[in-house]
Amino acid sequence: MEIWINPACSKCRSAVDLLDAEGAEYTVRRYLEDVPTEEEIRAVLERLGLEPWDITRTGEAVAKELGIADWPRDAASRDRWVAALSEHPKLIQRPIITADDGSAVVGRSEEAVRDALGRG
């Protein structure tokens, strides 16, 4: 199991605390420092079953600078979104937990983190 975190994020800290409390084995990826490639973002999106706009933090200042709110949300624009997430990792929703069974969840709630734990 791997968890993508921003240590300054309270949801990330809560998720890590829950993983620790449950004795889970996992690795931490500080994705602002160890920025995911476009390929890694595509892979995690597939595991999540989501589109890039589904995991984009549109309230971030850089999102406003880029005008992301006005970008089309369609297959033709998918690569543009993925590139923006890789170039500006602050835009990636967090934490993302990749489970050993090949799935992933956005662990913003205790329920979501427990779901990931149940997947191994």
PDB file of N, CA and C in Angstrom:
ATOM      1  N   MET A   1       0.845  -1.158   0.000  1.00  0.00           N
ATOM      2  CA  MET A   1       0.000   0.000   0.000  1.00  0.00           C
ATOM      3  C   MET A   1       0.905   1.240   0.000  1.00  0.00           C
ATOM      4  N   GLU A   2       0.482   2.244  -0.771  1.00  0.00           N
ATOM      5  CA  GLU A   2       1.210   3.503  -0.793  1.00  0.00           C
ATOM      6  C   GLU A   2       0.212   4.633  -0.575  1.00  0.00           C
ATOM      7  N   ILE A   3       0.644   5.682   0.132  1.00  0.00           N
ATOM      8  CA  ILE A   3      -0.218   6.836   0.351  1.00  0.00           C
ATOM      9  C   ILE A   3       0.524   8.080  -0.122  1.00  0.00           C
ATOM     10  N   TRP A   4      -0.136   8.835  -1.001  1.00  0.00           N
ATOM     11  CA  TRP A   4       0.405  10.105  -1.473  1.00  0.00           C
ATOM     12  C   TRP A   4      -0.084  11.175  -0.520  1.00  0.00           C
ATOM     13  N   ILE A   5       0.856  11.882   0.122  1.00  0.00           N
ATOM     14  CA  ILE A   5       0.464  12.876   1.113  1.00  0.00           C
ATOM     15  C   ILE A   5       1.190  14.207   0.927  1.00  0.00           C
ATOM     16  N   ASN A   6       0.568  15.217   1.513  1.00  0.00           N
ATOM     17  CA  ASN A   6       1.183  16.510   1.779  1.00  0.00           C
ATOM     18  C   ASN A   6       1.175  16.595   3.309  1.00  0.00           C
ATOM     19  N   PRO A   7       2.346  16.588   3.946  1.00  0.00           N
ATOM     20  CA  PRO A   7       2.385  16.576   5.409  1.00  0.00           C
ATOM     21  C   PRO A   7       1.660  17.759   6.062  1.00  0.00           C
ATOM     22  N   ALA A   8       1.471  18.844   5.337  1.00  0.00           N
ATOM     23  CA  ALA A   8       0.774  20.011   5.893  1.00  0.00           C
ATOM     24  C   ALA A   8      -0.745  19.831   5.901  1.00  0.00           C
ATOM     25  N   CYS A   9      -1.229  18.776   5.280  1.00  0.00           N
ATOM     26  CA  CYS A   9      -2.675  18.536   5.132  1.00  0.00           C
ATOM     27  C   CYS A   9      -3.213  17.725   6.314  1.00  0.00           C
ATOM     28  N   SER A  10      -4.234  18.251   6.976  1.00  0.00           N
ATOM     29  CA  SER A  10      -4.802  17.540   8.134  1.00  0.00           C
ATOM     30  C   SER A  10      -5.453  16.222   7.724  1.00  0.00           C
ATOM     31  N   LYS A  11      -6.076  16.161   6.542  1.00  0.00           N
ATOM     32  CA  LYS A  11      -6.692  14.901   6.080  1.00  0.00           C
ATOM     33  C   LYS A  11      -5.614  13.836   5.866  1.00  0.00           C
ATOM     34  N   CYS A  12      -4.451  14.261   5.361  1.00  0.00           N
ATOM     35  CA  CYS A  12      -3.344  13.324   5.161  1.00  0.00           C
ATOM     36  C   CYS A  12      -2.829  12.801   6.490  1.00  0.00           C
ATOM     37  N   ARG A  13      -2.659  13.706   7.435  1.00  0.00           N
ATOM     38  CA  ARG A  13      -2.172  13.289   8.757  1.00  0.00           C
ATOM     39  C   ARG A  13      -3.164  12.344   9.423  1.00  0.00           C
ATOM     40  N   SER A  14      -4.452  12.623   9.284  1.00  0.00           N
ATOM     41  CA  SER A  14      -5.478  11.738   9.863  1.00  0.00           C
ATOM     42  C   SER A  14      -5.426  10.358   9.224  1.00  0.00           C
ATOM     43  N   ALA A  15      -5.244  10.320   7.903  1.00  0.00           N
ATOM     44  CA  ALA A  15      -5.178   9.033   7.198  1.00  0.00           C
ATOM     45  C   ALA A  15      -3.969   8.228   7.664  1.00  0.00           C
ATOM     46  N   VAL A  16      -2.814   8.886   7.778  1.00  0.00           N
ATOM     47  CA  VAL A  16      -1.605   8.201   8.242  1.00  0.00           C
ATOM     48  C   VAL A  16      -1.794   7.712   9.681  1.00  0.00           C
ATOM     49  N   ASP A  17      -2.393   8.540  10.523  1.00  0.00           N
ATOM     50  CA  ASP A  17      -2.648   8.125  11.909  1.00  0.00           C
ATOM     51  C   ASP A  17      -3.524   6.880  11.961  1.00  0.00           C
ATOM     52  N   LEU A  18      -4.550   6.824  11.106  1.00  0.00           N
ATOM     53  CA  LEU A  18      -5.439   5.659  11.082  1.00  0.00           C
ATOM     54  C   LEU A  18      -4.701   4.428  10.566  1.00  0.00           C
ATOM     55  N   LEU A  19      -3.904   4.595   9.520  1.00  0.00           N
ATOM     56  CA  LEU A  19      -3.121   3.465   9.001  1.00  0.00           C
ATOM     57  C   LEU A  19      -2.190   2.935  10.094  1.00  0.00           C
ATOM     58  N   ASP A  20      -1.544   3.855  10.816  1.00  0.00           N
ATOM     59  CA  ASP A  20      -0.647   3.442  11.900  1.00  0.00           C
ATOM     60  C   ASP A  20      -1.415   2.727  13.010  1.00  0.00           C
ATOM     61  N   ALA A  21      -2.560   3.274  13.385  1.00  0.00           N
ATOM     62  CA  ALA A  21      -3.366   2.681  14.458  1.00  0.00           C
ATOM     63  C   ALA A  21      -3.813   1.267  14.102  1.00  0.00           C
ATOM     64  N   GLU A  22      -4.034   1.028  12.812  1.00  0.00           N
ATOM     65  CA  GLU A  22      -4.475  -0.293  12.350  1.00  0.00           C
ATOM     66  C   GLU A  22      -3.297  -1.217  12.040  1.00  0.00           C
ATOM     67  N   GLY A  23      -2.077  -0.721  12.210  1.00  0.00           N
ATOM     68  CA  GLY A  23      -0.899  -1.549  11.968  1.00  0.00           C
ATOM     69  C   GLY A  23      -0.671  -1.862  10.499  1.00  0.00           C
ATOM     70  N   ALA A  24      -1.144  -1.013   9.626  1.00  0.00           N
ATOM     71  CA  ALA A  24      -1.003  -1.246   8.176  1.00  0.00           C
ATOM     72  C   ALA A  24       0.447  -1.063   7.739  1.00  0.00           C
ATOM     73  N   GLU A  25       0.831  -1.865   6.748  1.00  0.00           N
ATOM     74  CA  GLU A  25       2.136  -1.695   6.125  1.00  0.00           C
ATOM     75  C   GLU A  25       1.933  -0.834   4.893  1.00  0.00           C
ATOM     76  N   TYR A  26       2.674   0.266   4.819  1.00  0.00           N
ATOM     77  CA  TYR A  26       2.515   1.185   3.690  1.00  0.00           C
ATOM     78  C   TYR A  26       3.777   2.009   3.509  1.00  0.00           C
ATOM     79  N   THR A  27       3.886   2.617   2.365  1.00  0.00           N
ATOM     80  CA  THR A  27       4.959   3.565   2.108  1.00  0.00           C
ATOM     81  C   THR A  27       4.332   4.934   1.879  1.00  0.00           C
ATOM     82  N   VAL A  28       5.063   5.956   2.271  1.00  0.00           N
ATOM     83  CA  VAL A  28       4.598   7.333   2.119  1.00  0.00           C
ATOM     84  C   VAL A  28       5.290   7.959   0.913  1.00  0.00           C
ATOM     85  N   ARG A  29       4.501   8.618   0.103  1.00  0.00           N
ATOM     86  CA  ARG A  29       5.056   9.401  -1.003  1.00  0.00           C
ATOM     87  C   ARG A  29       4.640  10.854  -0.785  1.00  0.00           C
ATOM     88  N   ARG A  30       5.608  11.690  -0.552  1.00  0.00           N
ATOM     89  CA  ARG A  30       5.351  13.128  -0.437  1.00  0.00           C
ATOM     90  C   ARG A  30       5.321  13.669  -1.857  1.00  0.00           C
ATOM     91  N   TYR A  31       4.145  13.674  -2.430  1.00  0.00           N
ATOM     92  CA  TYR A  31       4.005  13.909  -3.862  1.00  0.00           C
ATOM     93  C   TYR A  31       4.353  15.335  -4.305  1.00  0.00           C
ATOM     94  N   LEU A  32       4.465  16.273  -3.363  1.00  0.00           N
ATOM     95  CA  LEU A  32       4.904  17.621  -3.752  1.00  0.00           C
ATOM     96  C   LEU A  32       6.410  17.650  -3.983  1.00  0.00           C
ATOM     97  N   GLU A  33       7.129  16.724  -3.324  1.00  0.00           N
ATOM     98  CA  GLU A  33       8.581  16.610  -3.482  1.00  0.00           C
ATOM     99  C   GLU A  33       8.933  15.553  -4.521  1.00  0.00           C
ATOM    100  N   ASP A  34       8.242  14.428  -4.472  1.00  0.00           N
ATOM    101  CA  ASP A  34       8.439  13.316  -5.407  1.00  0.00           C
ATOM    102  C   ASP A  34       7.248  13.334  -6.364  1.00  0.00           C
ATOM    103  N   VAL A  35       7.305  14.264  -7.308  1.00  0.00           N
ATOM    104  CA  VAL A  35       6.163  14.566  -8.172  1.00  0.00           C
ATOM    105  C   VAL A  35       5.856  13.399  -9.112  1.00  0.00           C
ATOM    106  N   PRO A  36       4.587  12.969  -9.146  1.00  0.00           N
ATOM    107  CA  PRO A  36       4.207  11.875 -10.044  1.00  0.00           C
ATOM    108  C   PRO A  36       4.325  12.302 -11.516  1.00  0.00           C
ATOM    109  N   THR A  37       4.779  11.366 -12.325  1.00  0.00           N
ATOM    110  CA  THR A  37       4.833  11.607 -13.763  1.00  0.00           C
ATOM    111  C   THR A  37       3.417  11.536 -14.341  1.00  0.00           C
ATOM    112  N   GLU A  38       3.278  11.978 -15.559  1.00  0.00           N
ATOM    113  CA  GLU A  38       1.973  11.871 -16.216  1.00  0.00           C
ATOM    114  C   GLU A  38       1.536  10.409 -16.282  1.00  0.00           C
ATOM    115  N   GLU A  39       2.473   9.520 -16.544  1.00  0.00           N
ATOM    116  CA  GLU A  39       2.159   8.084 -16.606  1.00  0.00           C
ATOM    117  C   GLU A  39       1.657   7.572 -15.257  1.00  0.00           C
ATOM    118  N   GLU A  40       2.306   8.000 -14.169  1.00  0.00           N
ATOM    119  CA  GLU A  40       1.876   7.576 -12.836  1.00  0.00           C
ATOM    120  C   GLU A  40       0.486   8.129 -12.510  1.00  0.00           C
ATOM    121  N   ILE A  41       0.228   9.354 -12.925  1.00  0.00           N
ATOM    122  CA  ILE A  41      -1.094   9.937 -12.688  1.00  0.00           C
ATOM    123  C   ILE A  41      -2.155   9.169 -13.461  1.00  0.00           C
ATOM    124  N   ARG A  42      -1.875   8.837 -14.715  1.00  0.00           N
ATOM    125  CA  ARG A  42      -2.831   8.043 -15.498  1.00  0.00           C
ATOM    126  C   ARG A  42      -3.091   6.696 -14.831  1.00  0.00           C
ATOM    127  N   ALA A  43      -2.033   6.069 -14.322  1.00  0.00           N
ATOM    128  CA  ALA A  43      -2.173   4.754 -13.674  1.00  0.00           C
ATOM    129  C   ALA A  43      -3.032   4.864 -12.413  1.00  0.00           C
ATOM    130  N   VAL A  44      -2.812   5.902 -11.608  1.00  0.00           N
ATOM    131  CA  VAL A  44      -3.600   6.040 -10.380  1.00  0.00           C
ATOM    132  C   VAL A  44      -5.048   6.398 -10.719  1.00  0.00           C
ATOM    133  N   LEU A  45      -5.256   7.171 -11.770  1.00  0.00           N
ATOM    134  CA  LEU A  45      -6.630   7.480 -12.192  1.00  0.00           C
ATOM    135  C   LEU A  45      -7.365   6.215 -12.594  1.00  0.00           C
ATOM    136  N   GLU A  46      -6.671   5.328 -13.300  1.00  0.00           N
ATOM    137  CA  GLU A  46      -7.286   4.059 -13.695  1.00  0.00           C
ATOM    138  C   GLU A  46      -7.641   3.239 -12.458  1.00  0.00           C
ATOM    139  N   ARG A  47      -6.734   3.210 -11.482  1.00  0.00           N
ATOM    140  CA  ARG A  47      -6.989   2.468 -10.244  1.00  0.00           C
ATOM    141  C   ARG A  47      -8.147   3.069  -9.464  1.00  0.00           C
ATOM    142  N   LEU A  48      -8.256   4.407  -9.510  1.00  0.00           N
ATOM    143  CA  LEU A  48      -9.350   5.098  -8.813  1.00  0.00           C
ATOM    144  C   LEU A  48     -10.670   4.962  -9.554  1.00  0.00           C
ATOM    145  N   GLY A  49     -10.604   4.757 -10.879  1.00  0.00           N
ATOM    146  CA  GLY A  49     -11.816   4.757 -11.689  1.00  0.00           C
ATOM    147  C   GLY A  49     -12.357   6.167 -11.870  1.00  0.00           C
ATOM    148  N   LEU A  50     -11.443   7.150 -11.877  1.00  0.00           N
ATOM    149  CA  LEU A  50     -11.831   8.552 -11.979  1.00  0.00           C
ATOM    150  C   LEU A  50     -11.141   9.233 -13.154  1.00  0.00           C
ATOM    151  N   GLU A  51     -11.603  10.426 -13.452  1.00  0.00           N
ATOM    152  CA  GLU A  51     -10.991  11.263 -14.480  1.00  0.00           C
ATOM    153  C   GLU A  51     -10.109  12.302 -13.783  1.00  0.00           C
ATOM    154  N   PRO A  52      -9.167  12.914 -14.513  1.00  0.00           N
ATOM    155  CA  PRO A  52      -8.257  13.866 -13.859  1.00  0.00           C
ATOM    156  C   PRO A  52      -8.975  15.044 -13.200  1.00  0.00           C
ATOM    157  N   TRP A  53     -10.052  15.505 -13.789  1.00  0.00           N
ATOM    158  CA  TRP A  53     -10.788  16.625 -13.184  1.00  0.00           C
ATOM    159  C   TRP A  53     -11.464  16.227 -11.881  1.00  0.00           C
ATOM    160  N   ASP A  54     -11.657  14.917 -11.675  1.00  0.00           N
ATOM    161  CA  ASP A  54     -12.264  14.434 -10.432  1.00  0.00           C
ATOM    162  C   ASP A  54     -11.307  14.540  -9.240  1.00  0.00           C
ATOM    163  N   ILE A  55      -9.992  14.576  -9.517  1.00  0.00           N
ATOM    164  CA  ILE A  55      -9.016  14.655  -8.428  1.00  0.00           C
ATOM    165  C   ILE A  55      -8.253  15.983  -8.450  1.00  0.00           C
ATOM    166  N   THR A  56      -8.796  16.969  -9.138  1.00  0.00           N
ATOM    167  CA  THR A  56      -8.141  18.268  -9.227  1.00  0.00           C
ATOM    168  C   THR A  56      -8.700  19.215  -8.172  1.00  0.00           C
ATOM    169  N   ARG A  57      -7.795  19.837  -7.437  1.00  0.00           N
ATOM    170  CA  ARG A  57      -8.160  20.816  -6.413  1.00  0.00           C
ATOM    171  C   ARG A  57      -8.347  22.160  -7.122  1.00  0.00           C
ATOM    172  N   THR A  58      -9.553  22.426  -7.548  1.00  0.00           N
ATOM    173  CA  THR A  58      -9.834  23.612  -8.354  1.00  0.00           C
ATOM    174  C   THR A  58      -9.802  24.908  -7.554  1.00  0.00           C
ATOM    175  N   GLY A  59      -9.772  24.814  -6.230  1.00  0.00           N
ATOM    176  CA  GLY A  59      -9.724  26.008  -5.398  1.00  0.00           C
ATOM    177  C   GLY A  59      -8.319  26.558  -5.183  1.00  0.00           C
ATOM    178  N   GLU A  60      -7.307  25.809  -5.609  1.00  0.00           N
ATOM    179  CA  GLU A  60      -5.926  26.261  -5.438  1.00  0.00           C
ATOM    180  C   GLU A  60      -5.647  27.493  -6.310  1.00  0.00           C
ATOM    181  N   ALA A  61      -4.740  28.349  -5.845  1.00  0.00           N
ATOM    182  CA  ALA A  61      -4.401  29.567  -6.586  1.00  0.00           C
ATOM    183  C   ALA A  61      -3.929  29.251  -8.001  1.00  0.00           C
ATOM    184  N   VAL A  62      -3.110  28.223  -8.147  1.00  0.00           N
ATOM    185  CA  VAL A  62      -2.597  27.883  -9.478  1.00  0.00           C
ATOM    186  C   VAL A  62      -3.729  27.430 -10.409  1.00  0.00           C
ATOM    187  N   ALA A  63      -4.755  26.818  -9.854  1.00  0.00           N
ATOM    188  CA  ALA A  63      -5.913  26.416 -10.673  1.00  0.00           C
ATOM    189  C   ALA A  63      -6.609  27.648 -11.227  1.00  0.00           C
ATOM    190  N   LYS A  64      -6.716  28.662 -10.406  1.00  0.00           N
ATOM    191  CA  LYS A  64      -7.332  29.912 -10.856  1.00  0.00           C
ATOM    192  C   LYS A  64      -6.464  30.589 -11.917  1.00  0.00           C
ATOM    193  N   GLU A  65      -5.132  30.575 -11.697  1.00  0.00           N
ATOM    194  CA  GLU A  65      -4.204  31.157 -12.670  1.00  0.00           C
ATOM    195  C   GLU A  65      -4.312  30.463 -14.025  1.00  0.00           C
ATOM    196  N   LEU A  66      -4.456  29.146 -13.992  1.00  0.00           N
ATOM    197  CA  LEU A  66      -4.553  28.365 -15.229  1.00  0.00           C
ATOM    198  C   LEU A  66      -5.946  28.437 -15.865  1.00  0.00           C
ATOM    199  N   GLY A  67      -6.920  28.893 -15.100  1.00  0.00           N
ATOM    200  CA  GLY A  67      -8.292  28.941 -15.610  1.00  0.00           C
ATOM    201  C   GLY A  67      -8.921  27.565 -15.748  1.00  0.00           C
ATOM    202  N   ILE A  68      -8.499  26.645 -14.891  1.00  0.00           N
ATOM    203  CA  ILE A  68      -8.946  25.247 -14.975  1.00  0.00           C
ATOM    204  C   ILE A  68     -10.468  25.102 -14.919  1.00  0.00           C
ATOM    205  N   ALA A  69     -11.130  25.950 -14.180  1.00  0.00           N
ATOM    206  CA  ALA A  69     -12.586  25.844 -14.051  1.00  0.00           C
ATOM    207  C   ALA A  69     -13.283  25.912 -15.414  1.00  0.00           C
ATOM    208  N   ASP A  70     -12.632  26.537 -16.380  1.00  0.00           N
ATOM    209  CA  ASP A  70     -13.222  26.681 -17.712  1.00  0.00           C
ATOM    210  C   ASP A  70     -12.756  25.625 -18.711  1.00  0.00           C
ATOM    211  N   TRP A  71     -11.867  24.735 -18.283  1.00  0.00           N
ATOM    212  CA  TRP A  71     -11.371  23.703 -19.199  1.00  0.00           C
ATOM    213  C   TRP A  71     -12.463  22.674 -19.465  1.00  0.00           C
ATOM    214  N   PRO A  72     -12.537  22.196 -20.712  1.00  0.00           N
ATOM    215  CA  PRO A  72     -13.508  21.125 -21.010  1.00  0.00           C
ATOM    216  C   PRO A  72     -13.166  19.867 -20.207  1.00  0.00           C
ATOM    217  N   ARG A  73     -14.210  19.153 -19.838  1.00  0.00           N
ATOM    218  CA  ARG A  73     -14.040  17.882 -19.117  1.00  0.00           C
ATOM    219  C   ARG A  73     -14.500  16.771 -20.043  1.00  0.00           C
ATOM    220  N   ASP A  74     -13.627  16.468 -21.004  1.00  0.00           N
ATOM    221  CA  ASP A  74     -13.949  15.444 -21.995  1.00  0.00           C
ATOM    222  C   ASP A  74     -12.679  14.682 -22.365  1.00  0.00           C
ATOM    223  N   ALA A  75     -12.859  13.607 -23.100  1.00  0.00           N
ATOM    224  CA  ALA A  75     -11.737  12.734 -23.451  1.00  0.00           C
ATOM    225  C   ALA A  75     -10.635  13.488 -24.192  1.00  0.00           C
ATOM    226  N   ALA A  76     -11.012  14.430 -25.047  1.00  0.00           N
ATOM    227  CA  ALA A  76     -10.025  15.177 -25.829  1.00  0.00           C
ATOM    228  C   ALA A  76      -9.159  16.073 -24.942  1.00  0.00           C
ATOM    229  N   SER A  77      -9.666  16.446 -23.778  1.00  0.00           N
ATOM    230  CA  SER A  77      -8.935  17.347 -22.883  1.00  0.00           C
ATOM    231  C   SER A  77      -8.210  16.606 -21.758  1.00  0.00           C
ATOM    232  N   ARG A  78      -8.374  15.298 -21.709  1.00  0.00           N
ATOM    233  CA  ARG A  78      -7.815  14.511 -20.600  1.00  0.00           C
ATOM    234  C   ARG A  78      -6.305  14.709 -20.442  1.00  0.00           C
ATOM    235  N   ASP A  79      -5.560  14.665 -21.550  1.00  0.00           N
ATOM    236  CA  ASP A  79      -4.100  14.812 -21.475  1.00  0.00           C
ATOM    237  C   ASP A  79      -3.703  16.175 -20.919  1.00  0.00           C
ATOM    238  N   ARG A  80      -4.445  17.206 -21.260  1.00  0.00           N
ATOM    239  CA  ARG A  80      -4.164  18.550 -20.752  1.00  0.00           C
ATOM    240  C   ARG A  80      -4.302  18.579 -19.232  1.00  0.00           C
ATOM    241  N   TRP A  81      -5.341  17.949 -18.716  1.00  0.00           N
ATOM    242  CA  TRP A  81      -5.571  17.873 -17.271  1.00  0.00           C
ATOM    243  C   TRP A  81      -4.444  17.092 -16.583  1.00  0.00           C
ATOM    244  N   VAL A  82      -4.091  15.945 -17.165  1.00  0.00           N
ATOM    245  CA  VAL A  82      -3.041  15.103 -16.570  1.00  0.00           C
ATOM    246  C   VAL A  82      -1.722  15.870 -16.543  1.00  0.00           C
ATOM    247  N   ALA A  83      -1.409  16.574 -17.621  1.00  0.00           N
ATOM    248  CA  ALA A  83      -0.173  17.367 -17.676  1.00  0.00           C
ATOM    249  C   ALA A  83      -0.178  18.441 -16.590  1.00  0.00           C
ATOM    250  N   ALA A  84      -1.313  19.087 -16.382  1.00  0.00           N
ATOM    251  CA  ALA A  84      -1.411  20.132 -15.353  1.00  0.00           C
ATOM    252  C   ALA A  84      -1.177  19.543 -13.962  1.00  0.00           C
ATOM    253  N   LEU A  85      -1.713  18.357 -13.708  1.00  0.00           N
ATOM    254  CA  LEU A  85      -1.520  17.712 -12.406  1.00  0.00           C
ATOM    255  C   LEU A  85      -0.050  17.374 -12.172  1.00  0.00           C
ATOM    256  N   SER A  86       0.643  16.944 -13.213  1.00  0.00           N
ATOM    257  CA  SER A  86       2.052  16.603 -13.083  1.00  0.00           C
ATOM    258  C   SER A  86       2.915  17.861 -12.945  1.00  0.00           C
ATOM    259  N   GLU A  87       2.571  18.903 -13.685  1.00  0.00           N
ATOM    260  CA  GLU A  87       3.338  20.151 -13.630  1.00  0.00           C
ATOM    261  C   GLU A  87       3.072  20.929 -12.341  1.00  0.00           C
ATOM    262  N   HIS A  88       1.883  20.771 -11.800  1.00  0.00           N
ATOM    263  CA  HIS A  88       1.473  21.506 -10.595  1.00  0.00           C
ATOM    264  C   HIS A  88       0.870  20.515  -9.592  1.00  0.00           C
ATOM    265  N   PRO A  89       1.716  19.715  -8.919  1.00  0.00           N
ATOM    266  CA  PRO A  89       1.192  18.649  -8.058  1.00  0.00           C
ATOM    267  C   PRO A  89       0.303  19.148  -6.919  1.00  0.00           C
ATOM    268  N   LYS A  90       0.385  20.427  -6.585  1.00  0.00           N
ATOM    269  CA  LYS A  90      -0.503  20.968  -5.551  1.00  0.00           C
ATOM    270  C   LYS A  90      -1.966  20.804  -5.937  1.00  0.00           C
ATOM    271  N   LEU A  91      -2.210  20.622  -7.229  1.00  0.00           N
ATOM    272  CA  LEU A  91      -3.582  20.464  -7.717  1.00  0.00           C
ATOM    273  C   LEU A  91      -4.161  19.081  -7.433  1.00  0.00           C
ATOM    274  N   ILE A  92      -3.318  18.119  -7.075  1.00  0.00           N
ATOM    275  CA  ILE A  92      -3.777  16.739  -6.873  1.00  0.00           C
ATOM    276  C   ILE A  92      -4.484  16.618  -5.520  1.00  0.00           C
ATOM    277  N   GLN A  93      -5.703  16.103  -5.566  1.00  0.00           N
ATOM    278  CA  GLN A  93      -6.465  15.848  -4.336  1.00  0.00           C
ATOM    279  C   GLN A  93      -5.690  14.855  -3.477  1.00  0.00           C
ATOM    280  N   ARG A  94      -5.801  14.983  -2.186  1.00  0.00           N
ATOM    281  CA  ARG A  94      -5.025  14.146  -1.280  1.00  0.00           C
ATOM    282  C   ARG A  94      -5.849  13.770  -0.063  1.00  0.00           C
ATOM    283  N   PRO A  95      -5.434  12.721   0.607  1.00  0.00           N
ATOM    284  CA  PRO A  95      -4.417  11.736   0.234  1.00  0.00           C
ATOM    285  C   PRO A  95      -4.989  10.699  -0.735  1.00  0.00           C
ATOM    286  N   ILE A  96      -4.117  10.136  -1.534  1.00  0.00           N
ATOM    287  CA  ILE A  96      -4.510   9.028  -2.409  1.00  0.00           C
ATOM    288  C   ILE A  96      -3.805   7.785  -1.878  1.00  0.00           C
ATOM    289  N   ILE A  97      -4.604   6.741  -1.658  1.00  0.00           N
ATOM    290  CA  ILE A  97      -4.065   5.478  -1.149  1.00  0.00           C
ATOM    291  C   ILE A  97      -4.226   4.421  -2.234  1.00  0.00           C
ATOM    292  N   THR A  98      -3.101   3.819  -2.621  1.00  0.00           N
ATOM    293  CA  THR A  98      -3.152   2.722  -3.585  1.00  0.00           C
ATOM    294  C   THR A  98      -3.062   1.423  -2.793  1.00  0.00           C
ATOM    295  N   ALA A  99      -4.062   0.586  -2.979  1.00  0.00           N
ATOM    296  CA  ALA A  99      -4.144  -0.673  -2.232  1.00  0.00           C
ATOM    297  C   ALA A  99      -3.427  -1.789  -2.985  1.00  0.00           C
ATOM    298  N   ASP A 100      -3.082  -2.820  -2.244  1.00  0.00           N
ATOM    299  CA  ASP A 100      -2.344  -3.943  -2.816  1.00  0.00           C
ATOM    300  C   ASP A 100      -3.148  -4.731  -3.844  1.00  0.00           C
ATOM    301  N   ASP A 101      -4.476  -4.597  -3.820  1.00  0.00           N
ATOM    302  CA  ASP A 101      -5.293  -5.348  -4.774  1.00  0.00           C
ATOM    303  C   ASP A 101      -5.396  -4.649  -6.134  1.00  0.00           C
ATOM    304  N   GLY A 102      -4.665  -3.521  -6.294  1.00  0.00           N
ATOM    305  CA  GLY A 102      -4.680  -2.820  -7.574  1.00  0.00           C
ATOM    306  C   GLY A 102      -5.655  -1.663  -7.633  1.00  0.00           C
ATOM    307  N   SER A 103      -6.445  -1.479  -6.592  1.00  0.00           N
ATOM    308  CA  SER A 103      -7.397  -0.369  -6.561  1.00  0.00           C
ATOM    309  C   SER A 103      -6.758   0.816  -5.839  1.00  0.00           C
ATOM    310  N   ALA A 104      -7.505   1.905  -5.758  1.00  0.00           N
ATOM    311  CA  ALA A 104      -7.043   3.083  -5.034  1.00  0.00           C
ATOM    312  C   ALA A 104      -8.257   3.855  -4.542  1.00  0.00           C
ATOM    313  N   VAL A 105      -8.044   4.686  -3.521  1.00  0.00           N
ATOM    314  CA  VAL A 105      -9.107   5.550  -2.999  1.00  0.00           C
ATOM    315  C   VAL A 105      -8.510   6.910  -2.676  1.00  0.00           C
ATOM    316  N   VAL A 106      -9.355   7.926  -2.725  1.00  0.00           N
ATOM    317  CA  VAL A 106      -8.990   9.232  -2.195  1.00  0.00           C
ATOM    318  C   VAL A 106      -9.428   9.183  -0.734  1.00  0.00           C
ATOM    319  N   GLY A 107      -8.452   9.164   0.163  1.00  0.00           N
ATOM    320  CA  GLY A 107      -8.716   8.905   1.577  1.00  0.00           C
ATOM    321  C   GLY A 107      -9.019  10.137   2.399  1.00  0.00           C
ATOM    322  N   ARG A 108     -10.017  10.910   2.002  1.00  0.00           N
ATOM    323  CA  ARG A 108     -10.338  12.141   2.725  1.00  0.00           C
ATOM    324  C   ARG A 108     -11.251  11.901   3.923  1.00  0.00           C
ATOM    325  N   SER A 109     -11.751  10.684   4.061  1.00  0.00           N
ATOM    326  CA  SER A 109     -12.595  10.366   5.211  1.00  0.00           C
ATOM    327  C   SER A 109     -12.083   9.084   5.860  1.00  0.00           C
ATOM    328  N   GLU A 110     -12.457   8.892   7.112  1.00  0.00           N
ATOM    329  CA  GLU A 110     -12.068   7.665   7.803  1.00  0.00           C
ATOM    330  C   GLU A 110     -12.633   6.453   7.068  1.00  0.00           C
ATOM    331  N   GLU A 111     -13.857   6.590   6.576  1.00  0.00           N
ATOM    332  CA  GLU A 111     -14.494   5.489   5.854  1.00  0.00           C
ATOM    333  C   GLU A 111     -13.675   5.096   4.615  1.00  0.00           C
ATOM    334  N   ALA A 112     -13.189   6.086   3.867  1.00  0.00           N
ATOM    335  CA  ALA A 112     -12.403   5.801   2.666  1.00  0.00           C
ATOM    336  C   ALA A 112     -11.085   5.114   3.012  1.00  0.00           C
ATOM    337  N   VAL A 113     -10.442   5.568   4.075  1.00  0.00           N
ATOM    338  CA  VAL A 113      -9.181   4.951   4.503  1.00  0.00           C
ATOM    339  C   VAL A 113      -9.439   3.516   4.936  1.00  0.00           C
ATOM    340  N   ARG A 114     -10.509   3.291   5.682  1.00  0.00           N
ATOM    341  CA  ARG A 114     -10.855   1.914   6.092  1.00  0.00           C
ATOM    342  C   ARG A 114     -11.172   1.038   4.890  1.00  0.00           C
ATOM    343  N   ASP A 115     -11.787   1.622   3.862  1.00  0.00           N
ATOM    344  CA  ASP A 115     -12.064   0.896   2.633  1.00  0.00           C
ATOM    345  C   ASP A 115     -10.745   0.422   2.016  1.00  0.00           C
ATOM    346  N   ALA A 116      -9.749   1.304   1.970  1.00  0.00           N
ATOM    347  CA  ALA A 116      -8.438   0.931   1.427  1.00  0.00           C
ATOM    348  C   ALA A 116      -7.797  -0.161   2.276  1.00  0.00           C
ATOM    349  N   LEU A 117      -7.921  -0.056   3.589  1.00  0.00           N
ATOM    350  CA  LEU A 117      -7.377  -1.081   4.491  1.00  0.00           C
ATOM    351  C   LEU A 117      -8.011  -2.442   4.208  1.00  0.00           C
ATOM    352  N   GLY A 118      -9.291  -2.430   3.923  1.00  0.00           N
ATOM    353  CA  GLY A 118     -10.000  -3.679   3.643  1.00  0.00           C
ATOM    354  C   GLY A 118      -9.588  -4.329   2.333  1.00  0.00           C
ATOM    355  N   ARG A 119      -8.981  -3.547   1.471  1.00  0.00           N
ATOM    356  CA  ARG A 119      -8.543  -4.058   0.170  1.00  0.00           C
ATOM    357  C   ARG A 119      -7.112  -4.592   0.228  1.00  0.00           C
ATOM    358  N   GLY A 120      -6.466  -4.377   1.368  1.00  0.00           N
ATOM    359  CA  GLY A 120      -5.124  -4.922   1.538  1.00  0.00           C
ATOM    360  C   GLY A 120      -4.029  -4.093   0.967  1.00  0.00           C
TER     361      GLY A 120
END
